[in-house]
Amino acid sequence: MKSLKSKTWQHEITGVDGNTILFGVNIFDYEWKNTNEFVKVYDPLYDQEYKFDIYTVIINGQEQKFAAGEFSNCVWGFYTLKY
């Protein structure tokens, strides 16, 4: 039987409020739907743990899933699922 690799949340980008490119678009131009789930992630720069909400967004007719939260005032971290 073939083993399946599990997905993990990995840092995608850190950006400023209102202007961050994720999935090829400015993610702040789209409506985020909170899934009422969260994930524990680590700031890639300072290795501090955060608890970020998981969201979905529709971009060009496709649903995308990501975790996001503020590292500091107006500085956001974005995480996506990767193998």
C-alpha atoms as a PDB file:
ATOM      1  CA  MET A   1       0.000   0.000   0.000  1.00  0.00           C
ATOM      2  CA  LYS A   2       1.284   3.434  -0.932  1.00  0.00           C
ATOM      3  CA  SER A   3       1.761   5.788   1.986  1.00  0.00           C
ATOM      4  CA  LEU A   4       0.219   9.220   1.732  1.00  0.00           C
ATOM      5  CA  LYS A   5       2.190  12.229   2.800  1.00  0.00           C
ATOM      6  CA  SER A   6       0.302  14.421   5.213  1.00  0.00           C
ATOM      7  CA  LYS A   7      -0.143  18.101   4.588  1.00  0.00           C
ATOM      8  CA  THR A   8       1.287  20.685   6.951  1.00  0.00           C
ATOM      9  CA  TRP A   9       0.740  24.412   7.319  1.00  0.00           C
ATOM     10  CA  GLN A  10       3.773  26.271   6.010  1.00  0.00           C
ATOM     11  CA  HIS A  11       4.578  29.967   5.943  1.00  0.00           C
ATOM     12  CA  GLU A  12       3.765  31.420   2.534  1.00  0.00           C
ATOM     13  CA  ILE A  13       4.284  35.168   2.955  1.00  0.00           C
ATOM     14  CA  THR A  14       4.421  37.982   5.471  1.00  0.00           C
ATOM     15  CA  GLY A  15       2.786  41.175   4.275  1.00  0.00           C
ATOM     16  CA  VAL A  16       1.251  44.465   5.252  1.00  0.00           C
ATOM     17  CA  ASP A  17      -2.418  45.100   5.915  1.00  0.00           C
ATOM     18  CA  GLY A  18      -4.268  45.812   2.674  1.00  0.00           C
ATOM     19  CA  ASN A  19      -1.467  44.872   0.270  1.00  0.00           C
ATOM     20  CA  THR A  20      -0.288  41.257   0.241  1.00  0.00           C
ATOM     21  CA  ILE A  21      -0.112  38.959  -2.794  1.00  0.00           C
ATOM     22  CA  LEU A  22      -1.383  35.436  -2.073  1.00  0.00           C
ATOM     23  CA  PHE A  23      -2.598  33.010  -4.753  1.00  0.00           C
ATOM     24  CA  GLY A  24      -1.498  35.605  -7.340  1.00  0.00           C
ATOM     25  CA  VAL A  25      -3.865  38.335  -6.106  1.00  0.00           C
ATOM     26  CA  ASN A  26      -4.053  40.948  -3.368  1.00  0.00           C
ATOM     27  CA  ILE A  27      -5.745  38.760  -0.771  1.00  0.00           C
ATOM     28  CA  PHE A  28      -7.213  41.811   0.968  1.00  0.00           C
ATOM     29  CA  ASP A  29      -9.338  42.537  -2.129  1.00  0.00           C
ATOM     30  CA  TYR A  30     -11.352  39.346  -1.490  1.00  0.00           C
ATOM     31  CA  GLU A  31     -13.900  38.326   1.124  1.00  0.00           C
ATOM     32  CA  TRP A  32     -12.471  35.845   3.610  1.00  0.00           C
ATOM     33  CA  LYS A  33     -14.806  33.243   5.110  1.00  0.00           C
ATOM     34  CA  ASN A  34     -13.780  32.091   8.578  1.00  0.00           C
ATOM     35  CA  THR A  35     -14.004  28.284   8.856  1.00  0.00           C
ATOM     36  CA  ASN A  36     -14.158  28.473  12.680  1.00  0.00           C
ATOM     37  CA  GLU A  37     -11.001  26.362  12.751  1.00  0.00           C
ATOM     38  CA  PHE A  38      -7.526  27.418  13.796  1.00  0.00           C
ATOM     39  CA  VAL A  39      -3.967  26.210  13.517  1.00  0.00           C
ATOM     40  CA  LYS A  40      -0.856  26.769  15.610  1.00  0.00           C
ATOM     41  CA  VAL A  41       1.935  28.238  13.498  1.00  0.00           C
ATOM     42  CA  TYR A  42       5.367  29.724  14.086  1.00  0.00           C
ATOM     43  CA  ASP A  43       6.662  33.099  12.976  1.00  0.00           C
ATOM     44  CA  PRO A  44       9.483  32.213  10.541  1.00  0.00           C
ATOM     45  CA  LEU A  45      11.631  35.113  11.733  1.00  0.00           C
ATOM     46  CA  TYR A  46      11.302  34.899  15.526  1.00  0.00           C
ATOM     47  CA  ASP A  47       9.990  31.324  15.952  1.00  0.00           C
ATOM     48  CA  GLN A  48       7.186  32.614  18.180  1.00  0.00           C
ATOM     49  CA  GLU A  49       4.021  30.470  18.283  1.00  0.00           C
ATOM     50  CA  TYR A  50       0.696  31.950  17.156  1.00  0.00           C
ATOM     51  CA  LYS A  51      -2.835  30.616  16.862  1.00  0.00           C
ATOM     52  CA  PHE A  52      -4.233  31.746  13.500  1.00  0.00           C
ATOM     53  CA  ASP A  53      -7.731  31.330  12.111  1.00  0.00           C
ATOM     54  CA  ILE A  54      -8.260  29.292   8.947  1.00  0.00           C
ATOM     55  CA  TYR A  55     -10.127  30.982   6.097  1.00  0.00           C
ATOM     56  CA  THR A  56     -11.434  30.144   2.652  1.00  0.00           C
ATOM     57  CA  VAL A  57     -11.701  32.575  -0.246  1.00  0.00           C
ATOM     58  CA  ILE A  58     -13.031  32.256  -3.796  1.00  0.00           C
ATOM     59  CA  ILE A  59     -10.533  33.418  -6.454  1.00  0.00           C
ATOM     60  CA  ASN A  60     -11.415  33.014 -10.130  1.00  0.00           C
ATOM     61  CA  GLY A  61     -14.137  30.529  -9.210  1.00  0.00           C
ATOM     62  CA  GLN A  62     -11.845  28.312  -7.115  1.00  0.00           C
ATOM     63  CA  GLU A  63     -11.904  27.971  -3.360  1.00  0.00           C
ATOM     64  CA  GLN A  64      -8.549  28.500  -1.676  1.00  0.00           C
ATOM     65  CA  LYS A  65      -7.791  27.746   1.977  1.00  0.00           C
ATOM     66  CA  PHE A  66      -5.267  29.578   4.136  1.00  0.00           C
ATOM     67  CA  ALA A  67      -4.447  30.513   7.712  1.00  0.00           C
ATOM     68  CA  ALA A  68      -3.755  34.119   8.574  1.00  0.00           C
ATOM     69  CA  GLY A  69      -3.197  36.441  11.496  1.00  0.00           C
ATOM     70  CA  GLU A  70      -1.271  39.480  12.610  1.00  0.00           C
ATOM     71  CA  PHE A  71       2.320  39.047  13.771  1.00  0.00           C
ATOM     72  CA  SER A  72       2.252  42.687  14.854  1.00  0.00           C
ATOM     73  CA  ASN A  73       0.127  45.738  14.142  1.00  0.00           C
ATOM     74  CA  CYS A  74      -0.750  45.642  10.397  1.00  0.00           C
ATOM     75  CA  VAL A  75       1.873  42.942   9.667  1.00  0.00           C
ATOM     76  CA  TRP A  76       0.195  39.689   8.614  1.00  0.00           C
ATOM     77  CA  GLY A  77       1.460  36.148   8.298  1.00  0.00           C
ATOM     78  CA  PHE A  78      -0.125  33.793   5.764  1.00  0.00           C
ATOM     79  CA  TYR A  79       0.154  29.994   5.774  1.00  0.00           C
ATOM     80  CA  THR A  80      -0.996  27.424   3.209  1.00  0.00           C
ATOM     81  CA  LEU A  81      -1.185  23.646   3.245  1.00  0.00           C
ATOM     82  CA  LYS A  82       1.788  21.885   1.641  1.00  0.00           C
ATOM     83  CA  TYR A  83       2.965  18.303   1.340  1.00  0.00           C
END
